[in-house]
């Protein structure tokens, strides 16, 4: 039987605000269009916790398009977050 390490892996957003943790986690589960605050998004992009890409979508008027930003968590960061979630399951959402 494998023993659990007494030292838990830190959350990928360790040292950031609670709101930054929440935005990161929303993006990690695929909710990247929720109107997240631009400064938080910029901070997460700067720290390479999320990636920004541009997407063309239909515009509000006939025959128009507009560009929107989409966000995703890079695979290595997502894997670290999943590992953190596994270690902290049942902790009531405490962000270390």
N, C-alpha and C. Protein backbone atom coordinates (compact mmCIF):
# COMPACT_ATOMS: atom_id res chain seq x y z
N UNK A 1 0.84 -1.18 0.00
CA UNK A 1 0.00 0.00 0.00
C UNK A 1 0.89 1.24 0.00
N UNK A 2 0.64 2.13 -0.95
CA UNK A 2 1.45 3.35 -1.06
C UNK A 2 1.00 4.36 -0.02
N UNK A 3 1.97 5.02 0.59
CA UNK A 3 1.63 6.05 1.57
C UNK A 3 1.56 7.40 0.88
N UNK A 4 0.70 8.25 1.41
CA UNK A 4 0.57 9.61 0.87
C UNK A 4 1.72 10.46 1.38
N UNK A 5 2.23 11.29 0.50
CA UNK A 5 3.30 12.20 0.88
C UNK A 5 2.74 13.25 1.84
N UNK A 6 3.47 13.58 2.91
CA UNK A 6 2.98 14.59 3.83
C UNK A 6 3.03 16.00 3.22
N UNK A 7 3.80 16.18 2.16
CA UNK A 7 3.91 17.49 1.52
C UNK A 7 3.02 17.51 0.29
N UNK A 8 1.98 18.31 0.36
CA UNK A 8 1.05 18.41 -0.75
C UNK A 8 1.59 19.34 -1.83
N UNK A 9 1.22 19.02 -3.04
CA UNK A 9 1.58 19.86 -4.18
C UNK A 9 0.82 21.18 -4.08
N UNK A 10 1.47 22.32 -4.34
CA UNK A 10 0.75 23.59 -4.28
C UNK A 10 -0.19 23.74 -5.47
N UNK A 11 -1.22 24.52 -5.28
CA UNK A 11 -2.14 24.85 -6.37
C UNK A 11 -1.35 25.61 -7.43
N UNK A 12 -1.63 25.40 -8.73
CA UNK A 12 -0.90 26.13 -9.76
C UNK A 12 -0.97 27.65 -9.58
N UNK A 13 -2.03 28.14 -8.95
CA UNK A 13 -2.20 29.59 -8.74
C UNK A 13 -1.74 30.04 -7.35
N UNK A 14 -0.92 29.24 -6.68
CA UNK A 14 -0.45 29.59 -5.34
C UNK A 14 0.15 30.99 -5.37
N UNK A 15 -0.25 31.81 -4.40
CA UNK A 15 0.25 33.18 -4.30
C UNK A 15 -0.63 34.20 -4.99
N UNK A 16 -1.62 33.74 -5.75
CA UNK A 16 -2.56 34.66 -6.41
C UNK A 16 -3.82 34.79 -5.57
N UNK A 17 -4.65 35.74 -5.93
CA UNK A 17 -5.89 36.00 -5.19
C UNK A 17 -6.88 34.85 -5.31
N UNK A 18 -7.82 34.83 -4.38
CA UNK A 18 -8.88 33.82 -4.43
C UNK A 18 -9.63 33.92 -5.75
N UNK A 19 -9.88 35.14 -6.21
CA UNK A 19 -10.60 35.32 -7.47
C UNK A 19 -9.79 34.76 -8.64
N UNK A 20 -8.48 34.93 -8.64
CA UNK A 20 -7.64 34.36 -9.71
C UNK A 20 -7.73 32.84 -9.69
N UNK A 21 -7.76 32.24 -8.51
CA UNK A 21 -7.94 30.79 -8.39
C UNK A 21 -9.27 30.39 -9.04
N UNK A 22 -10.33 31.14 -8.71
CA UNK A 22 -11.66 30.82 -9.23
C UNK A 22 -11.71 30.93 -10.75
N UNK A 23 -11.12 31.99 -11.30
CA UNK A 23 -11.11 32.18 -12.75
C UNK A 23 -10.31 31.05 -13.41
N UNK A 24 -9.14 30.75 -12.87
CA UNK A 24 -8.33 29.65 -13.40
C UNK A 24 -9.15 28.36 -13.43
N UNK A 25 -9.80 28.05 -12.33
CA UNK A 25 -10.55 26.79 -12.24
C UNK A 25 -11.74 26.78 -13.19
N UNK A 26 -12.38 27.93 -13.39
CA UNK A 26 -13.47 28.00 -14.36
C UNK A 26 -12.96 27.72 -15.77
N UNK A 27 -11.82 28.29 -16.11
CA UNK A 27 -11.23 28.04 -17.43
C UNK A 27 -10.80 26.58 -17.55
N UNK A 28 -10.25 26.03 -16.49
CA UNK A 28 -9.80 24.64 -16.50
C UNK A 28 -10.95 23.67 -16.77
N UNK A 29 -12.17 24.04 -16.39
CA UNK A 29 -13.32 23.16 -16.64
C UNK A 29 -14.07 23.56 -17.91
N UNK A 30 -13.50 24.50 -18.67
CA UNK A 30 -14.08 24.84 -19.96
C UNK A 30 -14.97 26.07 -19.99
N UNK A 31 -15.07 26.79 -18.90
CA UNK A 31 -15.91 27.99 -18.84
C UNK A 31 -15.04 29.22 -19.07
N UNK A 32 -14.67 29.47 -20.32
CA UNK A 32 -13.77 30.59 -20.61
C UNK A 32 -14.50 31.82 -21.13
N UNK A 33 -15.81 31.78 -21.22
CA UNK A 33 -16.56 32.92 -21.76
C UNK A 33 -17.47 33.55 -20.70
N UNK A 34 -17.06 33.52 -19.46
CA UNK A 34 -17.92 33.99 -18.37
C UNK A 34 -17.71 35.46 -18.02
N UNK A 35 -17.04 36.22 -18.87
CA UNK A 35 -16.82 37.63 -18.56
C UNK A 35 -15.84 37.85 -17.43
N UNK A 36 -14.80 37.05 -17.39
CA UNK A 36 -13.79 37.18 -16.34
C UNK A 36 -13.06 38.52 -16.48
N UNK A 37 -12.59 39.05 -15.37
CA UNK A 37 -11.93 40.36 -15.36
C UNK A 37 -10.65 40.33 -16.20
N UNK A 38 -10.48 41.30 -17.09
CA UNK A 38 -9.30 41.32 -17.97
C UNK A 38 -7.96 41.30 -17.23
N UNK A 39 -7.85 41.97 -16.09
CA UNK A 39 -6.58 41.97 -15.36
C UNK A 39 -6.24 40.59 -14.81
N UNK A 40 -7.26 39.88 -14.36
CA UNK A 40 -7.01 38.52 -13.86
C UNK A 40 -6.58 37.63 -15.01
N UNK A 41 -7.28 37.75 -16.15
CA UNK A 41 -6.90 36.95 -17.33
C UNK A 41 -5.48 37.27 -17.76
N UNK A 42 -5.12 38.55 -17.80
CA UNK A 42 -3.77 38.95 -18.19
C UNK A 42 -2.72 38.38 -17.23
N UNK A 43 -3.02 38.39 -15.94
CA UNK A 43 -2.09 37.84 -14.94
C UNK A 43 -1.90 36.35 -15.16
N UNK A 44 -2.99 35.63 -15.40
CA UNK A 44 -2.90 34.19 -15.62
C UNK A 44 -2.15 33.87 -16.91
N UNK A 45 -2.36 34.68 -17.96
CA UNK A 45 -1.62 34.49 -19.21
C UNK A 45 -0.14 34.79 -18.98
N UNK A 46 0.17 35.89 -18.31
CA UNK A 46 1.56 36.28 -18.04
C UNK A 46 2.30 35.18 -17.29
N UNK A 47 1.63 34.54 -16.35
CA UNK A 47 2.25 33.46 -15.56
C UNK A 47 2.20 32.11 -16.27
N UNK A 48 1.71 32.09 -17.51
CA UNK A 48 1.61 30.87 -18.33
C UNK A 48 0.71 29.81 -17.70
N UNK A 49 -0.26 30.25 -16.91
CA UNK A 49 -1.22 29.32 -16.33
C UNK A 49 -2.38 29.07 -17.28
N UNK A 50 -2.62 30.02 -18.18
CA UNK A 50 -3.61 29.86 -19.24
C UNK A 50 -3.02 30.40 -20.54
N UNK A 51 -3.62 30.00 -21.66
CA UNK A 51 -3.21 30.50 -22.97
C UNK A 51 -4.40 31.20 -23.62
N UNK A 52 -4.12 32.27 -24.34
CA UNK A 52 -5.15 33.04 -25.03
C UNK A 52 -5.05 32.74 -26.53
N UNK A 53 -6.20 32.57 -27.18
CA UNK A 53 -6.25 32.46 -28.63
C UNK A 53 -7.43 33.30 -29.12
N UNK A 54 -7.37 33.67 -30.37
CA UNK A 54 -8.43 34.49 -30.95
C UNK A 54 -9.31 33.62 -31.85
N UNK A 55 -10.61 33.88 -31.85
CA UNK A 55 -11.55 33.11 -32.64
C UNK A 55 -12.53 34.06 -33.34
N UNK A 56 -12.77 33.80 -34.60
CA UNK A 56 -13.75 34.58 -35.36
C UNK A 56 -15.13 33.95 -35.16
N UNK A 57 -16.10 34.77 -34.81
CA UNK A 57 -17.47 34.30 -34.63
C UNK A 57 -18.41 35.22 -35.38
N UNK A 58 -19.63 34.76 -35.59
CA UNK A 58 -20.63 35.58 -36.26
C UNK A 58 -20.88 36.85 -35.45
N UNK A 59 -20.97 37.96 -36.16
CA UNK A 59 -21.23 39.24 -35.51
C UNK A 59 -22.70 39.45 -35.25
N UNK A 60 -23.03 40.56 -34.60
CA UNK A 60 -24.43 40.82 -34.24
C UNK A 60 -25.29 41.26 -35.44
N UNK A 61 -24.66 41.62 -36.54
CA UNK A 61 -25.40 42.07 -37.72
C UNK A 61 -25.15 41.12 -38.87
N UNK A 62 -26.04 41.11 -39.82
CA UNK A 62 -25.92 40.21 -40.97
C UNK A 62 -24.57 40.39 -41.67
N UNK A 63 -23.97 39.28 -42.03
CA UNK A 63 -22.70 39.25 -42.77
C UNK A 63 -21.54 39.93 -42.05
N UNK A 64 -21.54 39.90 -40.75
CA UNK A 64 -20.42 40.48 -39.99
C UNK A 64 -19.82 39.39 -39.10
N UNK A 65 -18.57 39.61 -38.76
CA UNK A 65 -17.89 38.73 -37.80
C UNK A 65 -17.21 39.59 -36.75
N UNK A 66 -16.86 38.96 -35.68
CA UNK A 66 -16.09 39.65 -34.64
C UNK A 66 -15.10 38.65 -34.06
N UNK A 67 -14.07 39.19 -33.47
CA UNK A 67 -13.02 38.37 -32.89
C UNK A 67 -13.20 38.35 -31.38
N UNK A 68 -13.19 37.14 -30.82
CA UNK A 68 -13.26 37.00 -29.36
C UNK A 68 -12.03 36.25 -28.87
N UNK A 69 -11.68 36.48 -27.63
CA UNK A 69 -10.56 35.76 -27.02
C UNK A 69 -11.11 34.51 -26.36
N UNK A 70 -10.41 33.41 -26.57
CA UNK A 70 -10.73 32.14 -25.91
C UNK A 70 -9.53 31.77 -25.05
N UNK A 71 -9.77 31.05 -23.98
CA UNK A 71 -8.70 30.70 -23.04
C UNK A 71 -8.73 29.21 -22.75
N UNK A 72 -7.55 28.65 -22.55
CA UNK A 72 -7.44 27.25 -22.15
C UNK A 72 -6.23 27.11 -21.23
N UNK A 73 -6.22 26.02 -20.49
CA UNK A 73 -5.12 25.72 -19.59
C UNK A 73 -4.18 24.77 -20.32
N UNK A 74 -2.89 25.11 -20.43
CA UNK A 74 -1.93 24.19 -21.08
C UNK A 74 -1.93 22.83 -20.37
N UNK A 75 -1.71 21.78 -21.14
CA UNK A 75 -1.79 20.42 -20.60
C UNK A 75 -0.93 20.19 -19.35
N UNK A 76 0.35 20.60 -19.32
CA UNK A 76 1.14 20.34 -18.09
C UNK A 76 0.56 21.05 -16.86
N UNK A 77 0.02 22.26 -17.05
CA UNK A 77 -0.58 22.99 -15.93
C UNK A 77 -1.88 22.30 -15.52
N UNK A 78 -2.66 21.86 -16.52
CA UNK A 78 -3.91 21.17 -16.22
C UNK A 78 -3.64 19.88 -15.44
N UNK A 79 -2.59 19.16 -15.83
CA UNK A 79 -2.23 17.94 -15.11
C UNK A 79 -1.83 18.24 -13.67
N UNK A 80 -1.09 19.31 -13.47
CA UNK A 80 -0.70 19.71 -12.10
C UNK A 80 -1.92 20.07 -11.28
N UNK A 81 -2.87 20.77 -11.91
CA UNK A 81 -4.10 21.16 -11.21
C UNK A 81 -4.91 19.92 -10.85
N UNK A 82 -5.02 18.97 -11.79
CA UNK A 82 -5.75 17.72 -11.51
C UNK A 82 -5.11 16.96 -10.35
N UNK A 83 -3.78 16.95 -10.32
CA UNK A 83 -3.07 16.30 -9.22
C UNK A 83 -3.37 17.02 -7.91
N UNK A 84 -3.37 18.35 -7.93
CA UNK A 84 -3.69 19.13 -6.74
C UNK A 84 -5.12 18.81 -6.29
N UNK A 85 -6.06 18.74 -7.24
CA UNK A 85 -7.45 18.44 -6.90
C UNK A 85 -7.55 17.07 -6.24
N UNK A 86 -6.82 16.10 -6.77
CA UNK A 86 -6.84 14.76 -6.21
C UNK A 86 -6.32 14.75 -4.78
N UNK A 87 -5.24 15.47 -4.52
CA UNK A 87 -4.66 15.52 -3.18
C UNK A 87 -5.55 16.27 -2.19
N UNK A 88 -6.37 17.19 -2.70
CA UNK A 88 -7.16 18.05 -1.83
C UNK A 88 -8.65 17.74 -1.86
N UNK A 89 -9.03 16.61 -2.44
CA UNK A 89 -10.44 16.22 -2.48
C UNK A 89 -10.98 16.13 -1.06
N UNK A 90 -12.10 16.76 -0.84
CA UNK A 90 -12.71 16.71 0.48
C UNK A 90 -12.24 17.77 1.44
N UNK A 91 -11.35 18.67 0.99
CA UNK A 91 -10.86 19.74 1.87
C UNK A 91 -11.76 20.96 1.89
N UNK A 92 -12.90 20.89 1.22
CA UNK A 92 -13.82 22.03 1.24
C UNK A 92 -13.37 23.17 0.37
N UNK A 93 -12.55 22.91 -0.64
CA UNK A 93 -12.16 23.96 -1.57
C UNK A 93 -11.08 24.88 -1.05
N UNK A 94 -10.31 24.44 -0.07
CA UNK A 94 -9.25 25.28 0.48
C UNK A 94 -8.17 25.44 -0.59
N UNK A 95 -7.77 26.67 -0.84
CA UNK A 95 -6.71 26.95 -1.82
C UNK A 95 -5.42 27.22 -1.09
N UNK A 96 -4.50 26.26 -1.19
CA UNK A 96 -3.18 26.42 -0.54
C UNK A 96 -2.27 27.26 -1.38
